[in-house]
């Protein structure tokens, strides 16, 4: 399962841009939509974390370079979605990432730029 110990969701990007994350799926709380920006011309790694309050997570890369994701120690790398209409999706408890349109879930989402559960992994690690 993704997000379980040893199975983190890691996004690797090339060049500057923003990784957007939408957390949703709780009927009692508003959804949250935020991004984390990198200005690095080289490679940046992001850790997508989760919130116990939500069951659905969607992410996409808004940058000139490429972006791929991987899960845990699996060597497979898959391109990240490039818009909310073709976002990368993962549900709590899932073992795979899918692709889908989450534009309808954005309508009432709270803006959380630079305050989302998507973190840049320092080069020291």
PDB file of N, CA and C in Angstrom:
ATOM      1  N   UNK A   1       0.837  -1.193   0.000  1.00  0.00           N
ATOM      2  CA  UNK A   1       0.000   0.000   0.000  1.00  0.00           C
ATOM      3  C   UNK A   1       0.879   1.253   0.000  1.00  0.00           C
ATOM      4  N   UNK A   2       0.476   2.211  -0.795  1.00  0.00           N
ATOM      5  CA  UNK A   2       1.176   3.493  -0.837  1.00  0.00           C
ATOM      6  C   UNK A   2       0.937   4.227   0.481  1.00  0.00           C
ATOM      7  N   UNK A   3       1.927   4.958   0.927  1.00  0.00           N
ATOM      8  CA  UNK A   3       1.941   5.746   2.166  1.00  0.00           C
ATOM      9  C   UNK A   3       2.245   4.909   3.405  1.00  0.00           C
ATOM     10  N   UNK A   4       2.316   3.593   3.279  1.00  0.00           N
ATOM     11  CA  UNK A   4       2.663   2.751   4.414  1.00  0.00           C
ATOM     12  C   UNK A   4       4.185   2.696   4.505  1.00  0.00           C
ATOM     13  N   UNK A   5       4.703   2.513   5.685  1.00  0.00           N
ATOM     14  CA  UNK A   5       6.153   2.493   5.903  1.00  0.00           C
ATOM     15  C   UNK A   5       6.871   1.695   4.808  1.00  0.00           C
ATOM     16  N   UNK A   6       7.852   2.347   4.201  1.00  0.00           N
ATOM     17  CA  UNK A   6       8.612   1.707   3.140  1.00  0.00           C
ATOM     18  C   UNK A   6       8.019   1.864   1.753  1.00  0.00           C
ATOM     19  N   UNK A   7       6.868   2.520   1.642  1.00  0.00           N
ATOM     20  CA  UNK A   7       6.217   2.723   0.347  1.00  0.00           C
ATOM     21  C   UNK A   7       5.837   4.188   0.143  1.00  0.00           C
ATOM     22  N   UNK A   8       6.825   5.093   0.256  1.00  0.00           N
ATOM     23  CA  UNK A   8       6.500   6.508   0.041  1.00  0.00           C
ATOM     24  C   UNK A   8       6.240   6.788  -1.433  1.00  0.00           C
ATOM     25  N   UNK A   9       5.520   7.854  -1.681  1.00  0.00           N
ATOM     26  CA  UNK A   9       5.251   8.321  -3.039  1.00  0.00           C
ATOM     27  C   UNK A   9       6.227   9.463  -3.313  1.00  0.00           C
ATOM     28  N   UNK A  10       7.178   9.226  -4.218  1.00  0.00           N
ATOM     29  CA  UNK A  10       8.238  10.186  -4.523  1.00  0.00           C
ATOM     30  C   UNK A  10       8.072  10.671  -5.962  1.00  0.00           C
ATOM     31  N   UNK A  11       8.095  11.992  -6.140  1.00  0.00           N
ATOM     32  CA  UNK A  11       8.052  12.597  -7.473  1.00  0.00           C
ATOM     33  C   UNK A  11       9.417  13.217  -7.745  1.00  0.00           C
ATOM     34  N   UNK A  12       9.981  12.917  -8.903  1.00  0.00           N
ATOM     35  CA  UNK A  12      11.262  13.483  -9.318  1.00  0.00           C
ATOM     36  C   UNK A  12      11.015  14.360 -10.536  1.00  0.00           C
ATOM     37  N   UNK A  13      11.497  15.608 -10.463  1.00  0.00           N
ATOM     38  CA  UNK A  13      11.268  16.565 -11.551  1.00  0.00           C
ATOM     39  C   UNK A  13      12.594  17.089 -12.079  1.00  0.00           C
ATOM     40  N   UNK A  14      12.551  17.631 -13.281  1.00  0.00           N
ATOM     41  CA  UNK A  14      13.718  18.275 -13.865  1.00  0.00           C
ATOM     42  C   UNK A  14      13.342  19.701 -14.227  1.00  0.00           C
ATOM     43  N   UNK A  15      14.113  20.653 -13.714  1.00  0.00           N
ATOM     44  CA  UNK A  15      13.878  22.060 -14.005  1.00  0.00           C
ATOM     45  C   UNK A  15      12.898  22.699 -13.042  1.00  0.00           C
ATOM     46  N   UNK A  16      12.745  24.017 -13.166  1.00  0.00           N
ATOM     47  CA  UNK A  16      11.837  24.745 -12.266  1.00  0.00           C
ATOM     48  C   UNK A  16      10.373  24.441 -12.572  1.00  0.00           C
ATOM     49  N   UNK A  17       9.549  24.604 -11.556  1.00  0.00           N
ATOM     50  CA  UNK A  17       8.117  24.396 -11.727  1.00  0.00           C
ATOM     51  C   UNK A  17       7.429  24.206 -10.394  1.00  0.00           C
ATOM     52  N   UNK A  18       6.156  23.831 -10.459  1.00  0.00           N
ATOM     53  CA  UNK A  18       5.354  23.618  -9.255  1.00  0.00           C
ATOM     54  C   UNK A  18       4.727  22.233  -9.296  1.00  0.00           C
ATOM     55  N   UNK A  19       4.790  21.559  -8.159  1.00  0.00           N
ATOM     56  CA  UNK A  19       4.066  20.308  -7.994  1.00  0.00           C
ATOM     57  C   UNK A  19       2.802  20.639  -7.216  1.00  0.00           C
ATOM     58  N   UNK A  20       1.657  20.402  -7.838  1.00  0.00           N
ATOM     59  CA  UNK A  20       0.354  20.716  -7.237  1.00  0.00           C
ATOM     60  C   UNK A  20      -0.216  19.465  -6.576  1.00  0.00           C
ATOM     61  N   UNK A  21      -0.851  19.650  -5.419  1.00  0.00           N
ATOM     62  CA  UNK A  21      -1.459  18.535  -4.694  1.00  0.00           C
ATOM     63  C   UNK A  21      -2.847  18.927  -4.215  1.00  0.00           C
ATOM     64  N   UNK A  22      -3.818  18.092  -4.523  1.00  0.00           N
ATOM     65  CA  UNK A  22      -5.194  18.252  -4.048  1.00  0.00           C
ATOM     66  C   UNK A  22      -5.482  17.115  -3.082  1.00  0.00           C
ATOM     67  N   UNK A  23      -5.873  17.462  -1.851  1.00  0.00           N
ATOM     68  CA  UNK A  23      -6.306  16.458  -0.881  1.00  0.00           C
ATOM     69  C   UNK A  23      -7.807  16.625  -0.715  1.00  0.00           C
ATOM     70  N   UNK A  24      -8.545  15.528  -0.885  1.00  0.00           N
ATOM     71  CA  UNK A  24     -10.005  15.609  -0.823  1.00  0.00           C
ATOM     72  C   UNK A  24     -10.573  14.260  -0.410  1.00  0.00           C
ATOM     73  N   UNK A  25     -11.875  14.162  -0.361  1.00  0.00           N
ATOM     74  CA  UNK A  25     -12.508  12.899  -0.031  1.00  0.00           C
ATOM     75  C   UNK A  25     -13.059  12.818   1.383  1.00  0.00           C
ATOM     76  N   UNK A  26     -13.242  13.961   2.043  1.00  0.00           N
ATOM     77  CA  UNK A  26     -13.876  13.971   3.363  1.00  0.00           C
ATOM     78  C   UNK A  26     -15.109  14.858   3.275  1.00  0.00           C
ATOM     79  N   UNK A  27     -16.312  14.305   3.416  1.00  0.00           N
ATOM     80  CA  UNK A  27     -17.529  15.113   3.275  1.00  0.00           C
ATOM     81  C   UNK A  27     -17.705  16.152   4.387  1.00  0.00           C
ATOM     82  N   UNK A  28     -16.935  16.032   5.466  1.00  0.00           N
ATOM     83  CA  UNK A  28     -17.076  16.961   6.590  1.00  0.00           C
ATOM     84  C   UNK A  28     -16.046  18.083   6.599  1.00  0.00           C
ATOM     85  N   UNK A  29     -15.081  18.034   5.687  1.00  0.00           N
ATOM     86  CA  UNK A  29     -14.028  19.048   5.626  1.00  0.00           C
ATOM     87  C   UNK A  29     -13.862  19.544   4.197  1.00  0.00           C
ATOM     88  N   UNK A  30     -13.477  20.814   4.029  1.00  0.00           N
ATOM     89  CA  UNK A  30     -13.211  21.298   2.673  1.00  0.00           C
ATOM     90  C   UNK A  30     -11.931  20.663   2.127  1.00  0.00           C
ATOM     91  N   UNK A  31     -11.889  20.496   0.830  1.00  0.00           N
ATOM     92  CA  UNK A  31     -10.682  19.999   0.176  1.00  0.00           C
ATOM     93  C   UNK A  31      -9.598  21.063   0.242  1.00  0.00           C
ATOM     94  N   UNK A  32      -8.347  20.648   0.077  1.00  0.00           N
ATOM     95  CA  UNK A  32      -7.214  21.576   0.088  1.00  0.00           C
ATOM     96  C   UNK A  32      -6.422  21.412  -1.198  1.00  0.00           C
ATOM     97  N   UNK A  33      -6.073  22.527  -1.810  1.00  0.00           N
ATOM     98  CA  UNK A  33      -5.336  22.553  -3.062  1.00  0.00           C
ATOM     99  C   UNK A  33      -4.123  23.447  -2.874  1.00  0.00           C
ATOM    100  N   UNK A  34      -2.942  22.897  -3.049  1.00  0.00           N
ATOM    101  CA  UNK A  34      -1.741  23.709  -2.886  1.00  0.00           C
ATOM    102  C   UNK A  34      -0.633  23.235  -3.791  1.00  0.00           C
ATOM    103  N   UNK A  35       0.420  24.021  -3.838  1.00  0.00           N
ATOM    104  CA  UNK A  35       1.576  23.643  -4.643  1.00  0.00           C
ATOM    105  C   UNK A  35       2.854  23.955  -3.878  1.00  0.00           C
ATOM    106  N   UNK A  36       3.894  23.239  -4.252  1.00  0.00           N
ATOM    107  CA  UNK A  36       5.230  23.492  -3.735  1.00  0.00           C
ATOM    108  C   UNK A  36       6.107  23.766  -4.943  1.00  0.00           C
ATOM    109  N   UNK A  37       6.839  24.868  -4.892  1.00  0.00           N
ATOM    110  CA  UNK A  37       7.622  25.314  -6.048  1.00  0.00           C
ATOM    111  C   UNK A  37       9.104  25.001  -5.877  1.00  0.00           C
ATOM    112  N   UNK A  38       9.725  24.638  -6.991  1.00  0.00           N
ATOM    113  CA  UNK A  38      11.173  24.524  -7.043  1.00  0.00           C
ATOM    114  C   UNK A  38      11.692  25.461  -8.129  1.00  0.00           C
ATOM    115  N   UNK A  39      12.815  26.092  -7.861  1.00  0.00           N
ATOM    116  CA  UNK A  39      13.472  26.939  -8.858  1.00  0.00           C
ATOM    117  C   UNK A  39      14.759  26.287  -9.341  1.00  0.00           C
ATOM    118  N   UNK A  40      14.964  25.060  -8.929  1.00  0.00           N
ATOM    119  CA  UNK A  40      16.151  24.299  -9.264  1.00  0.00           C
ATOM    120  C   UNK A  40      16.166  23.973 -10.760  1.00  0.00           C
ATOM    121  N   UNK A  41      17.265  24.293 -11.426  1.00  0.00           N
ATOM    122  CA  UNK A  41      17.391  23.981 -12.853  1.00  0.00           C
ATOM    123  C   UNK A  41      17.681  22.497 -13.075  1.00  0.00           C
ATOM    124  N   UNK A  42      18.133  21.823 -12.029  1.00  0.00           N
ATOM    125  CA  UNK A  42      18.442  20.397 -12.128  1.00  0.00           C
ATOM    126  C   UNK A  42      17.279  19.541 -11.663  1.00  0.00           C
ATOM    127  N   UNK A  43      17.606  18.497 -10.925  1.00  0.00           N
ATOM    128  CA  UNK A  43      16.621  17.532 -10.453  1.00  0.00           C
ATOM    129  C   UNK A  43      16.161  17.874  -9.042  1.00  0.00           C
ATOM    130  N   UNK A  44      14.857  17.771  -8.814  1.00  0.00           N
ATOM    131  CA  UNK A  44      14.274  17.964  -7.482  1.00  0.00           C
ATOM    132  C   UNK A  44      13.424  16.750  -7.166  1.00  0.00           C
ATOM    133  N   UNK A  45      13.523  16.287  -5.929  1.00  0.00           N
ATOM    134  CA  UNK A  45      12.682  15.177  -5.473  1.00  0.00           C
ATOM    135  C   UNK A  45      11.682  15.702  -4.451  1.00  0.00           C
ATOM    136  N   UNK A  46      10.447  15.273  -4.592  1.00  0.00           N
ATOM    137  CA  UNK A  46       9.360  15.659  -3.691  1.00  0.00           C
ATOM    138  C   UNK A  46       8.812  14.408  -3.013  1.00  0.00           C
ATOM    139  N   UNK A  47       8.461  14.537  -1.760  1.00  0.00           N
ATOM    140  CA  UNK A  47       7.741  13.496  -1.038  1.00  0.00           C
ATOM    141  C   UNK A  47       6.299  13.949  -0.929  1.00  0.00           C
ATOM    142  N   UNK A  48       5.376  13.143  -1.440  1.00  0.00           N
ATOM    143  CA  UNK A  48       3.958  13.449  -1.273  1.00  0.00           C
ATOM    144  C   UNK A  48       3.485  12.685  -0.049  1.00  0.00           C
ATOM    145  N   UNK A  49       3.087  13.426   0.950  1.00  0.00           N
ATOM    146  CA  UNK A  49       2.601  12.827   2.180  1.00  0.00           C
ATOM    147  C   UNK A  49       1.082  12.769   2.143  1.00  0.00           C
ATOM    148  N   UNK A  50       0.472  12.388   3.235  1.00  0.00           N
ATOM    149  CA  UNK A  50      -0.975  12.256   3.280  1.00  0.00           C
ATOM    150  C   UNK A  50      -1.502  12.932   4.533  1.00  0.00           C
ATOM    151  N   UNK A  51      -2.787  13.097   4.582  1.00  0.00           N
ATOM    152  CA  UNK A  51      -3.470  13.606   5.761  1.00  0.00           C
ATOM    153  C   UNK A  51      -4.468  12.548   6.202  1.00  0.00           C
ATOM    154  N   UNK A  52      -4.503  12.275   7.494  1.00  0.00           N
ATOM    155  CA  UNK A  52      -5.463  11.288   8.004  1.00  0.00           C
ATOM    156  C   UNK A  52      -6.905  11.754   7.829  1.00  0.00           C
ATOM    157  N   UNK A  53      -7.096  13.034   7.509  1.00  0.00           N
ATOM    158  CA  UNK A  53      -8.447  13.578   7.360  1.00  0.00           C
ATOM    159  C   UNK A  53      -9.047  13.340   5.981  1.00  0.00           C
ATOM    160  N   UNK A  54      -8.237  12.922   5.011  1.00  0.00           N
ATOM    161  CA  UNK A  54      -8.714  12.790   3.637  1.00  0.00           C
ATOM    162  C   UNK A  54      -8.415  11.396   3.101  1.00  0.00           C
ATOM    163  N   UNK A  55      -9.160  10.985   2.081  1.00  0.00           N
ATOM    164  CA  UNK A  55      -8.987   9.647   1.509  1.00  0.00           C
ATOM    165  C   UNK A  55      -8.529   9.659   0.055  1.00  0.00           C
ATOM    166  N   UNK A  56      -8.475  10.847  -0.565  1.00  0.00           N
ATOM    167  CA  UNK A  56      -8.108  10.936  -1.979  1.00  0.00           C
ATOM    168  C   UNK A  56      -7.054  12.021  -2.162  1.00  0.00           C
ATOM    169  N   UNK A  57      -6.095  11.718  -3.047  1.00  0.00           N
ATOM    170  CA  UNK A  57      -4.990  12.634  -3.295  1.00  0.00           C
ATOM    171  C   UNK A  57      -4.746  12.681  -4.801  1.00  0.00           C
ATOM    172  N   UNK A  58      -4.586  13.878  -5.331  1.00  0.00           N
ATOM    173  CA  UNK A  58      -4.325  14.059  -6.758  1.00  0.00           C
ATOM    174  C   UNK A  58      -3.163  15.030  -6.899  1.00  0.00           C
ATOM    175  N   UNK A  59      -2.309  14.796  -7.871  1.00  0.00           N
ATOM    176  CA  UNK A  59      -1.166  15.689  -8.060  1.00  0.00           C
ATOM    177  C   UNK A  59      -0.844  15.820  -9.541  1.00  0.00           C
ATOM    178  N   UNK A  60      -0.228  16.964  -9.871  1.00  0.00           N
ATOM    179  CA  UNK A  60       0.248  17.169 -11.244  1.00  0.00           C
ATOM    180  C   UNK A  60       1.411  18.142 -11.242  1.00  0.00           C
ATOM    181  N   UNK A  61       2.222  18.063 -12.297  1.00  0.00           N
ATOM    182  CA  UNK A  61       3.428  18.872 -12.443  1.00  0.00           C
ATOM    183  C   UNK A  61       3.162  19.997 -13.427  1.00  0.00           C
ATOM    184  N   UNK A  62       3.531  21.209 -13.012  1.00  0.00           N
ATOM    185  CA  UNK A  62       3.400  22.402 -13.841  1.00  0.00           C
ATOM    186  C   UNK A  62       4.797  22.981 -14.015  1.00  0.00           C
ATOM    187  N   UNK A  63       5.523  22.477 -14.991  1.00  0.00           N
ATOM    188  CA  UNK A  63       6.889  22.922 -15.232  1.00  0.00           C
ATOM    189  C   UNK A  63       7.305  22.559 -16.644  1.00  0.00           C
ATOM    190  N   UNK A  64       8.406  23.144 -17.086  1.00  0.00           N
ATOM    191  CA  UNK A  64       8.870  22.915 -18.453  1.00  0.00           C
ATOM    192  C   UNK A  64       9.506  21.539 -18.624  1.00  0.00           C
ATOM    193  N   UNK A  65      10.141  21.037 -17.566  1.00  0.00           N
ATOM    194  CA  UNK A  65      10.826  19.753 -17.647  1.00  0.00           C
ATOM    195  C   UNK A  65       9.911  18.586 -17.344  1.00  0.00           C
ATOM    196  N   UNK A  66      10.502  17.409 -17.352  1.00  0.00           N
ATOM    197  CA  UNK A  66       9.725  16.196 -17.103  1.00  0.00           C
ATOM    198  C   UNK A  66       9.527  15.962 -15.610  1.00  0.00           C
ATOM    199  N   UNK A  67       8.558  15.122 -15.284  1.00  0.00           N
ATOM    200  CA  UNK A  67       8.293  14.712 -13.908  1.00  0.00           C
ATOM    201  C   UNK A  67       7.813  13.268 -13.921  1.00  0.00           C
ATOM    202  N   UNK A  68       8.370  12.465 -13.020  1.00  0.00           N
ATOM    203  CA  UNK A  68       7.973  11.065 -12.890  1.00  0.00           C
ATOM    204  C   UNK A  68       7.757  10.750 -11.416  1.00  0.00           C
ATOM    205  N   UNK A  69       6.952   9.723 -11.143  1.00  0.00           N
ATOM    206  CA  UNK A  69       6.775   9.290  -9.761  1.00  0.00           C
ATOM    207  C   UNK A  69       7.173   7.829  -9.632  1.00  0.00           C
ATOM    208  N   UNK A  70       7.514   7.472  -8.408  1.00  0.00           N
ATOM    209  CA  UNK A  70       7.806   6.091  -8.070  1.00  0.00           C
ATOM    210  C   UNK A  70       7.291   5.818  -6.668  1.00  0.00           C
ATOM    211  N   UNK A  71       7.102   4.556  -6.352  1.00  0.00           N
ATOM    212  CA  UNK A  71       6.603   4.165  -5.033  1.00  0.00           C
ATOM    213  C   UNK A  71       7.636   3.275  -4.360  1.00  0.00           C
ATOM    214  N   UNK A  72       8.067   3.681  -3.179  1.00  0.00           N
ATOM    215  CA  UNK A  72       9.001   2.883  -2.396  1.00  0.00           C
ATOM    216  C   UNK A  72      10.280   2.591  -3.148  1.00  0.00           C
ATOM    217  N   UNK A  73      10.767   1.359  -3.023  1.00  0.00           N
ATOM    218  CA  UNK A  73      12.020   0.973  -3.667  1.00  0.00           C
ATOM    219  C   UNK A  73      11.808   0.414  -5.074  1.00  0.00           C
ATOM    220  N   UNK A  74      10.576   0.427  -5.558  1.00  0.00           N
ATOM    221  CA  UNK A  74      10.280  -0.038  -6.913  1.00  0.00           C
ATOM    222  C   UNK A  74      11.018   0.848  -7.913  1.00  0.00           C
ATOM    223  N   UNK A  75      11.693   0.251  -8.865  1.00  0.00           N
ATOM    224  CA  UNK A  75      12.460   1.017  -9.847  1.00  0.00           C
ATOM    225  C   UNK A  75      11.607   1.583 -10.973  1.00  0.00           C
ATOM    226  N   UNK A  76      10.344   1.214 -11.032  1.00  0.00           N
ATOM    227  CA  UNK A  76       9.450   1.722 -12.066  1.00  0.00           C
ATOM    228  C   UNK A  76       9.204   3.211 -11.847  1.00  0.00           C
ATOM    229  N   UNK A  77       9.304   3.986 -12.914  1.00  0.00           N
ATOM    230  CA  UNK A  77       9.013   5.422 -12.881  1.00  0.00           C
ATOM    231  C   UNK A  77       7.961   5.702 -13.943  1.00  0.00           C
ATOM    232  N   UNK A  78       6.938   6.472 -13.563  1.00  0.00           N
ATOM    233  CA  UNK A  78       5.800   6.744 -14.443  1.00  0.00           C
ATOM    234  C   UNK A  78       5.629   8.252 -14.558  1.00  0.00           C
ATOM    235  N   UNK A  79       5.335   8.781 -15.753  1.00  0.00           N
ATOM    236  CA  UNK A  79       5.128  10.227 -15.888  1.00  0.00           C
ATOM    237  C   UNK A  79       3.989  10.727 -14.998  1.00  0.00           C
ATOM    238  N   UNK A  80       4.196  11.905 -14.433  1.00  0.00           N
ATOM    239  CA  UNK A  80       3.192  12.569 -13.593  1.00  0.00           C
ATOM    240  C   UNK A  80       2.221  13.314 -14.499  1.00  0.00           C
ATOM    241  N   UNK A  81       0.952  13.381 -14.107  1.00  0.00           N
ATOM    242  CA  UNK A  81      -0.034  14.159 -14.847  1.00  0.00           C
ATOM    243  C   UNK A  81       0.409  15.605 -15.013  1.00  0.00           C
ATOM    244  N   UNK A  82      -0.083  16.267 -16.069  1.00  0.00           N
ATOM    245  CA  UNK A  82       0.336  17.640 -16.365  1.00  0.00           C
ATOM    246  C   UNK A  82      -0.779  18.659 -16.172  1.00  0.00           C
ATOM    247  N   UNK A  83      -1.948  18.222 -15.713  1.00  0.00           N
ATOM    248  CA  UNK A  83      -3.069  19.148 -15.468  1.00  0.00           C
ATOM    249  C   UNK A  83      -4.059  18.457 -14.542  1.00  0.00           C
ATOM    250  N   UNK A  84      -5.008  19.235 -14.022  1.00  0.00           N
ATOM    251  CA  UNK A  84      -6.035  18.644 -13.162  1.00  0.00           C
ATOM    252  C   UNK A  84      -6.969  17.731 -13.952  1.00  0.00           C
ATOM    253  N   UNK A  85      -7.091  17.939 -15.246  1.00  0.00           N
ATOM    254  CA  UNK A  85      -7.959  17.064 -16.040  1.00  0.00           C
ATOM    255  C   UNK A  85      -7.287  15.728 -16.364  1.00  0.00           C
ATOM    256  N   UNK A  86      -5.976  15.663 -16.182  1.00  0.00           N
ATOM    257  CA  UNK A  86      -5.232  14.409 -16.370  1.00  0.00           C
ATOM    258  C   UNK A  86      -4.231  14.250 -15.233  1.00  0.00           C
ATOM    259  N   UNK A  87      -4.740  14.337 -14.014  1.00  0.00           N
ATOM    260  CA  UNK A  87      -3.894  14.289 -12.822  1.00  0.00           C
ATOM    261  C   UNK A  87      -3.543  12.852 -12.450  1.00  0.00           C
ATOM    262  N   UNK A  88      -2.473  12.717 -11.697  1.00  0.00           N
ATOM    263  CA  UNK A  88      -2.127  11.435 -11.092  1.00  0.00           C
ATOM    264  C   UNK A  88      -2.926  11.319  -9.801  1.00  0.00           C
ATOM    265  N   UNK A  89      -3.559  10.156  -9.574  1.00  0.00           N
ATOM    266  CA  UNK A  89      -4.482   9.978  -8.448  1.00  0.00           C
ATOM    267  C   UNK A  89      -4.075   8.786  -7.593  1.00  0.00           C
ATOM    268  N   UNK A  90      -4.241   8.939  -6.284  1.00  0.00           N
ATOM    269  CA  UNK A  90      -4.043   7.808  -5.379  1.00  0.00           C
ATOM    270  C   UNK A  90      -5.061   7.914  -4.248  1.00  0.00           C
ATOM    271  N   UNK A  91      -5.712   6.822  -3.967  1.00  0.00           N
ATOM    272  CA  UNK A  91      -6.664   6.758  -2.860  1.00  0.00           C
ATOM    273  C   UNK A  91      -5.992   6.114  -1.658  1.00  0.00           C
ATOM    274  N   UNK A  92      -6.430   6.507  -0.469  1.00  0.00           N
ATOM    275  CA  UNK A  92      -5.908   5.903   0.745  1.00  0.00           C
ATOM    276  C   UNK A  92      -6.153   4.389   0.693  1.00  0.00           C
ATOM    277  N   UNK A  93      -5.129   3.605   0.972  1.00  0.00           N
ATOM    278  CA  UNK A  93      -5.250   2.155   0.949  1.00  0.00           C
ATOM    279  C   UNK A  93      -4.935   1.529  -0.394  1.00  0.00           C
ATOM    280  N   UNK A  94      -4.673   2.356  -1.408  1.00  0.00           N
ATOM    281  CA  UNK A  94      -4.394   1.843  -2.752  1.00  0.00           C
ATOM    282  C   UNK A  94      -2.941   1.393  -2.878  1.00  0.00           C
ATOM    283  N   UNK A  95      -2.705   0.522  -3.828  1.00  0.00           N
ATOM    284  CA  UNK A  95      -1.353   0.064  -4.130  1.00  0.00           C
ATOM    285  C   UNK A  95      -0.848   0.606  -5.456  1.00  0.00           C
ATOM    286  N   UNK A  96      -1.710   1.326  -6.175  1.00  0.00           N
ATOM    287  CA  UNK A  96      -1.329   1.876  -7.474  1.00  0.00           C
ATOM    288  C   UNK A  96      -1.790   3.324  -7.595  1.00  0.00           C
ATOM    289  N   UNK A  97      -1.145   4.029  -8.503  1.00  0.00           N
ATOM    290  CA  UNK A  97      -1.530   5.393  -8.865  1.00  0.00           C
ATOM    291  C   UNK A  97      -2.250   5.306 -10.199  1.00  0.00           C
ATOM    292  N   UNK A  98      -3.341   6.023 -10.342  1.00  0.00           N
ATOM    293  CA  UNK A  98      -4.099   6.038 -11.590  1.00  0.00           C
ATOM    294  C   UNK A  98      -4.084   7.456 -12.161  1.00  0.00           C
ATOM    295  N   UNK A  99      -4.798   7.665 -13.247  1.00  0.00           N
ATOM    296  CA  UNK A  99      -4.912   8.981 -13.874  1.00  0.00           C
ATOM    297  C   UNK A  99      -6.384   9.326 -13.999  1.00  0.00           C
ATOM    298  N   UNK A 100      -6.727  10.604 -13.771  1.00  0.00           N
ATOM    299  CA  UNK A 100      -8.121  10.992 -13.893  1.00  0.00           C
ATOM    300  C   UNK A 100      -8.319  12.488 -13.830  1.00  0.00           C
ATOM    301  N   UNK A 101      -9.556  12.895 -13.981  1.00  0.00           N
ATOM    302  CA  UNK A 101      -9.969  14.300 -13.984  1.00  0.00           C
ATOM    303  C   UNK A 101     -10.545  14.654 -12.610  1.00  0.00           C
ATOM    304  N   UNK A 102      -9.920  15.621 -11.938  1.00  0.00           N
ATOM    305  CA  UNK A 102     -10.398  16.043 -10.614  1.00  0.00           C
ATOM    306  C   UNK A 102     -10.837  17.508 -10.610  1.00  0.00           C
ATOM    307  N   UNK A 103     -11.113  18.050 -11.785  1.00  0.00           N
ATOM    308  CA  UNK A 103     -11.475  19.473 -11.848  1.00  0.00           C
ATOM    309  C   UNK A 103     -12.713  19.783 -11.016  1.00  0.00           C
ATOM    310  N   UNK A 104     -13.664  18.866 -10.935  1.00  0.00           N
ATOM    311  CA  UNK A 104     -14.873  19.138 -10.148  1.00  0.00           C
ATOM    312  C   UNK A 104     -14.567  19.204  -8.652  1.00  0.00           C
ATOM    313  N   UNK A 105     -13.548  18.511  -8.203  1.00  0.00           N
ATOM    314  CA  UNK A 105     -13.180  18.525  -6.781  1.00  0.00           C
ATOM    315  C   UNK A 105     -12.470  19.817  -6.381  1.00  0.00           C
ATOM    316  N   UNK A 106     -12.059  20.617  -7.352  1.00  0.00           N
ATOM    317  CA  UNK A 106     -11.341  21.867  -7.072  1.00  0.00           C
ATOM    318  C   UNK A 106     -12.264  23.030  -6.732  1.00  0.00           C
ATOM    319  N   UNK A 107     -13.543  22.918  -7.056  1.00  0.00           N
ATOM    320  CA  UNK A 107     -14.478  24.039  -6.931  1.00  0.00           C
ATOM    321  C   UNK A 107     -14.433  24.735  -5.588  1.00  0.00           C
ATOM    322  N   UNK A 108     -14.465  23.988  -4.513  1.00  0.00           N
ATOM    323  CA  UNK A 108     -14.532  24.585  -3.181  1.00  0.00           C
ATOM    324  C   UNK A 108     -13.275  24.310  -2.360  1.00  0.00           C
ATOM    325  N   UNK A 109     -12.203  23.914  -3.027  1.00  0.00           N
ATOM    326  CA  UNK A 109     -10.967  23.601  -2.312  1.00  0.00           C
ATOM    327  C   UNK A 109     -10.309  24.872  -1.784  1.00  0.00           C
ATOM    328  N   UNK A 110      -9.778  24.783  -0.581  1.00  0.00           N
ATOM    329  CA  UNK A 110      -9.070  25.902   0.024  1.00  0.00           C
ATOM    330  C   UNK A 110      -7.661  25.981  -0.545  1.00  0.00           C
ATOM    331  N   UNK A 111      -7.186  27.202  -0.812  1.00  0.00           N
ATOM    332  CA  UNK A 111      -5.832  27.402  -1.329  1.00  0.00           C
ATOM    333  C   UNK A 111      -4.814  27.164  -0.218  1.00  0.00           C
ATOM    334  N   UNK A 112      -3.830  26.336  -0.495  1.00  0.00           N
ATOM    335  CA  UNK A 112      -2.799  26.013   0.495  1.00  0.00           C
ATOM    336  C   UNK A 112      -1.410  25.991  -0.149  1.00  0.00           C
ATOM    337  N   UNK A 113      -1.110  26.976  -1.009  1.00  0.00           N
ATOM    338  CA  UNK A 113       0.204  27.025  -1.635  1.00  0.00           C
ATOM    339  C   UNK A 113       1.289  27.153  -0.577  1.00  0.00           C
ATOM    340  N   UNK A 114       2.342  26.372  -0.751  1.00  0.00           N
ATOM    341  CA  UNK A 114       3.471  26.298   0.182  1.00  0.00           C
ATOM    342  C   UNK A 114       3.050  25.834   1.573  1.00  0.00           C
ATOM    343  N   UNK A 115       1.837  25.329   1.733  1.00  0.00           N
ATOM    344  CA  UNK A 115       1.348  24.822   3.020  1.00  0.00           C
ATOM    345  C   UNK A 115       0.749  23.428   2.866  1.00  0.00           C
ATOM    346  N   UNK A 116       1.095  22.750   1.814  1.00  0.00           N
ATOM    347  CA  UNK A 116       0.501  21.450   1.535  1.00  0.00           C
ATOM    348  C   UNK A 116       1.415  20.322   2.000  1.00  0.00           C
ATOM    349  N   UNK A 117       0.943  19.104   1.965  1.00  0.00           N
ATOM    350  CA  UNK A 117       1.734  17.963   2.424  1.00  0.00           C
ATOM    351  C   UNK A 117       2.565  17.373   1.289  1.00  0.00           C
ATOM    352  N   UNK A 118       3.249  18.249   0.587  1.00  0.00           N
ATOM    353  CA  UNK A 118       4.145  17.890  -0.504  1.00  0.00           C
ATOM    354  C   UNK A 118       5.466  18.590  -0.204  1.00  0.00           C
ATOM    355  N   UNK A 119       6.507  17.825   0.055  1.00  0.00           N
ATOM    356  CA  UNK A 119       7.748  18.392   0.577  1.00  0.00           C
ATOM    357  C   UNK A 119       8.922  18.112  -0.347  1.00  0.00           C
ATOM    358  N   UNK A 120       9.817  19.096  -0.485  1.00  0.00           N
ATOM    359  CA  UNK A 120      11.049  18.886  -1.242  1.00  0.00           C
ATOM    360  C   UNK A 120      12.012  18.093  -0.368  1.00  0.00           C
ATOM    361  N   UNK A 121      12.587  17.047  -0.931  1.00  0.00           N
ATOM    362  CA  UNK A 121      13.570  16.229  -0.228  1.00  0.00           C
ATOM    363  C   UNK A 121      14.939  16.868  -0.459  1.00  0.00           C
ATOM    364  N   UNK A 122      15.643  17.236   0.593  1.00  0.00           N
ATOM    365  CA  UNK A 122      16.962  17.864   0.418  1.00  0.00           C
ATOM    366  C   UNK A 122      17.940  16.933  -0.297  1.00  0.00           C
ATOM    367  N   UNK A 123      18.880  17.516  -1.021  1.00  0.00           N
ATOM    368  CA  UNK A 123      19.879  16.728  -1.744  1.00  0.00           C
ATOM    369  C   UNK A 123      20.792  15.938  -0.816  1.00  0.00           C
ATOM    370  N   UNK A 124      20.785  16.254   0.458  1.00  0.00           N
ATOM    371  CA  UNK A 124      21.661  15.585   1.411  1.00  0.00           C
ATOM    372  C   UNK A 124      21.219  14.166   1.717  1.00  0.00           C
ATOM    373  N   UNK A 125      19.981  13.837   1.357  1.00  0.00           N
ATOM    374  CA  UNK A 125      19.450  12.505   1.681  1.00  0.00           C
ATOM    375  C   UNK A 125      19.646  11.565   0.513  1.00  0.00           C
TER     376      UNK A 125
END
